[in-house]
N, C-alpha and C. Protein backbone atom coordinates (compact mmCIF):
# COMPACT_ATOMS: atom_id res chain seq x y z
N MET A 1 -10.12 -1.44 -11.33
CA MET A 1 -9.13 -0.77 -10.52
C MET A 1 -9.44 -1.00 -9.04
N GLY A 2 -8.46 -0.75 -8.22
CA GLY A 2 -8.65 -0.91 -6.79
C GLY A 2 -7.65 -0.07 -6.01
N LYS A 3 -7.87 0.01 -4.71
CA LYS A 3 -6.98 0.77 -3.83
C LYS A 3 -6.34 -0.18 -2.83
N VAL A 4 -5.03 -0.07 -2.67
CA VAL A 4 -4.31 -0.91 -1.70
C VAL A 4 -4.67 -0.42 -0.30
N ILE A 5 -5.21 -1.36 0.50
CA ILE A 5 -5.64 -0.99 1.86
C ILE A 5 -4.88 -1.74 2.95
N GLY A 6 -3.99 -2.65 2.55
CA GLY A 6 -3.24 -3.39 3.57
C GLY A 6 -2.25 -4.36 2.97
N THR A 7 -1.53 -5.04 3.84
CA THR A 7 -0.53 -6.02 3.43
C THR A 7 -0.83 -7.36 4.09
N VAL A 8 -0.23 -8.41 3.55
CA VAL A 8 -0.37 -9.75 4.11
C VAL A 8 1.02 -10.30 4.38
N VAL A 9 1.23 -10.83 5.57
CA VAL A 9 2.49 -11.48 5.92
C VAL A 9 2.19 -12.94 6.21
N CYS A 10 2.89 -13.83 5.52
CA CYS A 10 2.66 -15.28 5.69
C CYS A 10 3.93 -15.96 6.17
N SER A 11 3.80 -16.80 7.19
CA SER A 11 4.95 -17.59 7.62
C SER A 11 5.12 -18.81 6.72
N GLU A 12 4.03 -19.26 6.13
CA GLU A 12 4.04 -20.39 5.19
C GLU A 12 3.17 -20.00 4.00
N LYS A 13 3.64 -20.29 2.78
CA LYS A 13 2.82 -20.03 1.60
C LYS A 13 3.27 -20.94 0.46
N ASP A 14 2.45 -21.03 -0.56
CA ASP A 14 2.75 -21.86 -1.72
C ASP A 14 4.09 -21.44 -2.33
N GLU A 15 4.86 -22.43 -2.80
CA GLU A 15 6.18 -22.15 -3.39
C GLU A 15 6.11 -21.14 -4.52
N SER A 16 5.02 -21.16 -5.28
CA SER A 16 4.91 -20.25 -6.43
C SER A 16 4.81 -18.79 -6.01
N LEU A 17 4.56 -18.55 -4.73
CA LEU A 17 4.45 -17.17 -4.22
C LEU A 17 5.74 -16.67 -3.56
N THR A 18 6.78 -17.49 -3.57
CA THR A 18 8.04 -17.12 -2.95
C THR A 18 8.59 -15.85 -3.59
N GLY A 19 8.91 -14.87 -2.75
CA GLY A 19 9.47 -13.61 -3.22
C GLY A 19 8.45 -12.59 -3.70
N LEU A 20 7.17 -12.94 -3.67
CA LEU A 20 6.13 -12.02 -4.13
C LEU A 20 5.45 -11.33 -2.95
N LYS A 21 5.18 -10.04 -3.12
CA LYS A 21 4.49 -9.27 -2.09
C LYS A 21 2.99 -9.48 -2.25
N LEU A 22 2.31 -9.76 -1.14
CA LEU A 22 0.86 -9.92 -1.12
C LEU A 22 0.24 -8.68 -0.49
N LEU A 23 -0.76 -8.12 -1.18
CA LEU A 23 -1.42 -6.92 -0.70
C LEU A 23 -2.92 -7.13 -0.65
N ILE A 24 -3.60 -6.36 0.20
CA ILE A 24 -5.06 -6.38 0.26
C ILE A 24 -5.54 -5.17 -0.54
N VAL A 25 -6.42 -5.45 -1.52
CA VAL A 25 -6.92 -4.40 -2.40
C VAL A 25 -8.44 -4.35 -2.33
N GLN A 26 -8.97 -3.13 -2.24
CA GLN A 26 -10.41 -2.90 -2.27
C GLN A 26 -10.78 -2.44 -3.68
N PRO A 27 -11.58 -3.23 -4.43
CA PRO A 27 -12.02 -2.77 -5.75
C PRO A 27 -12.78 -1.45 -5.63
N MET A 28 -12.59 -0.57 -6.62
CA MET A 28 -13.20 0.76 -6.59
C MET A 28 -13.97 1.03 -7.88
N LYS A 29 -15.04 1.82 -7.75
CA LYS A 29 -15.77 2.32 -8.91
C LYS A 29 -15.02 3.53 -9.45
N ASP A 30 -15.42 4.00 -10.62
CA ASP A 30 -14.76 5.16 -11.22
C ASP A 30 -14.77 6.38 -10.31
N GLU A 31 -15.81 6.53 -9.51
CA GLU A 31 -15.88 7.70 -8.65
C GLU A 31 -15.21 7.44 -7.29
N PHE A 32 -14.31 6.47 -7.25
CA PHE A 32 -13.52 6.14 -6.07
C PHE A 32 -14.35 5.73 -4.86
N THR A 33 -15.43 5.01 -5.13
CA THR A 33 -16.20 4.45 -4.03
C THR A 33 -16.00 2.93 -4.05
N PRO A 34 -15.84 2.32 -2.89
CA PRO A 34 -15.61 0.88 -2.82
C PRO A 34 -16.76 0.09 -3.45
N THR A 35 -16.42 -1.02 -4.09
CA THR A 35 -17.41 -1.92 -4.66
C THR A 35 -16.94 -3.35 -4.43
N GLY A 36 -17.81 -4.19 -3.95
CA GLY A 36 -17.45 -5.59 -3.71
C GLY A 36 -16.56 -5.77 -2.49
N LYS A 37 -16.07 -7.00 -2.34
CA LYS A 37 -15.23 -7.36 -1.20
C LYS A 37 -13.76 -7.12 -1.50
N SER A 38 -13.00 -6.79 -0.46
CA SER A 38 -11.56 -6.64 -0.63
C SER A 38 -10.97 -8.02 -0.93
N MET A 39 -9.77 -8.04 -1.55
CA MET A 39 -9.14 -9.30 -1.93
C MET A 39 -7.64 -9.24 -1.75
N VAL A 40 -7.04 -10.42 -1.57
CA VAL A 40 -5.60 -10.53 -1.49
C VAL A 40 -5.08 -10.73 -2.92
N VAL A 41 -4.10 -9.91 -3.32
CA VAL A 41 -3.55 -9.97 -4.67
C VAL A 41 -2.03 -10.02 -4.61
N ILE A 42 -1.42 -10.49 -5.69
CA ILE A 42 0.04 -10.45 -5.78
C ILE A 42 0.43 -9.14 -6.46
N ASP A 43 1.52 -8.58 -6.00
CA ASP A 43 2.07 -7.38 -6.63
C ASP A 43 3.12 -7.85 -7.64
N THR A 44 2.72 -7.94 -8.91
CA THR A 44 3.60 -8.51 -9.94
C THR A 44 4.84 -7.66 -10.22
N HIS A 45 4.82 -6.39 -9.84
CA HIS A 45 5.97 -5.52 -10.06
C HIS A 45 6.72 -5.21 -8.77
N GLY A 46 6.11 -5.50 -7.64
CA GLY A 46 6.74 -5.26 -6.35
C GLY A 46 6.85 -3.80 -5.97
N ALA A 47 6.08 -2.92 -6.63
CA ALA A 47 6.22 -1.48 -6.40
C ALA A 47 5.02 -0.83 -5.75
N ALA A 48 3.89 -1.52 -5.65
CA ALA A 48 2.67 -0.91 -5.09
C ALA A 48 2.77 -0.84 -3.57
N GLY A 49 2.09 0.16 -3.02
CA GLY A 49 2.09 0.32 -1.58
C GLY A 49 0.76 0.85 -1.09
N TYR A 50 0.67 1.04 0.21
CA TYR A 50 -0.57 1.48 0.85
C TYR A 50 -1.12 2.74 0.19
N ASP A 51 -2.42 2.71 -0.07
CA ASP A 51 -3.18 3.83 -0.62
C ASP A 51 -2.98 4.05 -2.12
N ASP A 52 -2.16 3.22 -2.79
CA ASP A 52 -2.00 3.34 -4.24
C ASP A 52 -3.26 2.89 -4.96
N LEU A 53 -3.58 3.56 -6.06
CA LEU A 53 -4.63 3.13 -6.97
C LEU A 53 -3.96 2.22 -7.98
N VAL A 54 -4.47 1.00 -8.14
CA VAL A 54 -3.81 0.00 -8.98
C VAL A 54 -4.77 -0.58 -10.02
N TYR A 55 -4.17 -1.06 -11.11
CA TYR A 55 -4.91 -1.76 -12.16
C TYR A 55 -4.76 -3.26 -11.90
N LEU A 56 -5.88 -3.97 -11.89
CA LEU A 56 -5.88 -5.39 -11.54
C LEU A 56 -6.22 -6.28 -12.73
N ALA A 57 -5.71 -7.49 -12.69
CA ALA A 57 -6.14 -8.55 -13.60
C ALA A 57 -6.52 -9.74 -12.73
N LYS A 58 -7.52 -10.47 -13.18
CA LYS A 58 -7.97 -11.64 -12.41
C LYS A 58 -7.73 -12.91 -13.21
N SER A 59 -7.85 -14.03 -12.51
CA SER A 59 -7.73 -15.35 -13.12
C SER A 59 -6.28 -15.60 -13.53
N ARG A 60 -6.08 -16.42 -14.57
CA ARG A 60 -4.73 -16.77 -15.01
C ARG A 60 -3.94 -15.56 -15.47
N ASP A 61 -4.62 -14.54 -15.98
CA ASP A 61 -3.94 -13.33 -16.45
C ASP A 61 -3.17 -12.63 -15.34
N ALA A 62 -3.54 -12.87 -14.10
CA ALA A 62 -2.90 -12.23 -12.96
C ALA A 62 -1.41 -12.56 -12.86
N SER A 63 -1.01 -13.73 -13.34
CA SER A 63 0.39 -14.14 -13.20
C SER A 63 1.20 -13.97 -14.49
N LEU A 64 0.61 -13.52 -15.57
CA LEU A 64 1.32 -13.40 -16.84
C LEU A 64 2.58 -12.53 -16.77
N PRO A 65 2.58 -11.39 -16.08
CA PRO A 65 3.81 -10.58 -16.03
C PRO A 65 4.99 -11.30 -15.37
N LEU A 66 4.71 -12.33 -14.60
CA LEU A 66 5.79 -13.04 -13.90
C LEU A 66 6.51 -14.02 -14.80
N GLY A 67 5.90 -14.37 -15.93
CA GLY A 67 6.53 -15.31 -16.86
C GLY A 67 6.62 -16.73 -16.34
N LEU A 68 5.76 -17.05 -15.38
CA LEU A 68 5.75 -18.39 -14.80
C LEU A 68 4.55 -19.18 -15.32
N GLU A 69 4.68 -20.47 -15.36
CA GLU A 69 3.61 -21.32 -15.87
C GLU A 69 2.35 -21.23 -15.00
N LEU A 70 2.54 -21.31 -13.69
CA LEU A 70 1.39 -21.32 -12.79
C LEU A 70 1.76 -20.67 -11.46
N VAL A 71 0.93 -19.73 -11.02
CA VAL A 71 1.12 -19.07 -9.73
C VAL A 71 -0.20 -19.17 -8.97
N ALA A 72 -0.13 -19.50 -7.69
CA ALA A 72 -1.32 -19.70 -6.86
C ALA A 72 -1.95 -18.36 -6.49
N THR A 73 -2.70 -17.78 -7.43
CA THR A 73 -3.37 -16.50 -7.17
C THR A 73 -4.61 -16.36 -8.03
N ASP A 74 -5.54 -15.54 -7.57
CA ASP A 74 -6.74 -15.24 -8.33
C ASP A 74 -6.70 -13.82 -8.90
N ALA A 75 -5.80 -12.97 -8.38
CA ALA A 75 -5.73 -11.59 -8.84
C ALA A 75 -4.32 -11.05 -8.68
N GLY A 76 -3.96 -10.13 -9.56
CA GLY A 76 -2.64 -9.53 -9.50
C GLY A 76 -2.66 -8.07 -9.94
N ILE A 77 -1.70 -7.32 -9.43
CA ILE A 77 -1.56 -5.92 -9.80
C ILE A 77 -0.74 -5.84 -11.08
N MET A 78 -1.31 -5.21 -12.10
CA MET A 78 -0.65 -5.04 -13.38
C MET A 78 0.09 -3.72 -13.47
N GLY A 79 -0.36 -2.73 -12.69
CA GLY A 79 0.31 -1.43 -12.72
C GLY A 79 -0.26 -0.50 -11.67
N ILE A 80 0.47 0.57 -11.42
CA ILE A 80 0.04 1.61 -10.50
C ILE A 80 -0.50 2.76 -11.34
N VAL A 81 -1.71 3.19 -11.03
CA VAL A 81 -2.39 4.23 -11.80
C VAL A 81 -1.98 5.60 -11.26
N GLU A 82 -1.38 6.40 -12.12
CA GLU A 82 -0.99 7.77 -11.75
C GLU A 82 -2.12 8.75 -12.01
N ASN A 83 -2.86 8.51 -13.11
CA ASN A 83 -3.92 9.42 -13.51
C ASN A 83 -4.83 8.68 -14.48
N TYR A 84 -6.10 9.04 -14.47
CA TYR A 84 -7.01 8.51 -15.48
C TYR A 84 -8.16 9.48 -15.68
N ASN A 85 -8.79 9.42 -16.86
CA ASN A 85 -9.88 10.31 -17.22
C ASN A 85 -11.09 9.49 -17.62
N VAL A 86 -12.26 9.95 -17.25
CA VAL A 86 -13.52 9.34 -17.66
C VAL A 86 -14.26 10.37 -18.51
N ILE A 87 -14.59 9.98 -19.73
CA ILE A 87 -15.27 10.87 -20.65
C ILE A 87 -16.72 10.43 -20.76
N GLN A 88 -17.64 11.39 -20.66
CA GLN A 88 -19.05 11.08 -20.76
C GLN A 88 -19.54 11.39 -22.16
N HIS A 89 -20.26 10.44 -22.76
CA HIS A 89 -20.86 10.59 -24.08
C HIS A 89 -22.36 10.42 -23.96
N GLY A 90 -23.12 11.45 -24.28
CA GLY A 90 -24.58 11.35 -24.24
C GLY A 90 -25.11 10.98 -22.88
N GLY A 91 -24.45 11.39 -21.83
CA GLY A 91 -24.91 11.13 -20.48
C GLY A 91 -24.48 9.80 -19.91
N ALA A 92 -23.91 8.92 -20.74
CA ALA A 92 -23.46 7.62 -20.25
C ALA A 92 -21.99 7.71 -19.89
N GLN A 93 -21.65 7.17 -18.75
CA GLN A 93 -20.27 7.20 -18.31
C GLN A 93 -19.54 5.97 -18.85
N LEU A 94 -18.37 6.16 -19.42
CA LEU A 94 -17.57 5.05 -19.96
C LEU A 94 -16.51 4.64 -18.98
């Protein structure tokens, strides 16, 4: 999961990205603390916005919701997270 922290505006971009919104997302741990480097992702649904908690997919899976053969991206938003629960079993967090 990650949090949307910004947007990207391009005057020129790969044809496969035409009509797609590019956002900057900071990966987050379960306790909502940043982990790793922020990344530019495609918003496959076009509905995510600043400060949204989103579910991400990386690699080729990032473009699957678009139904296109190939999209120039390494990560994409699969959905906007409204709520989630973490259950602890025997002291280990899942």
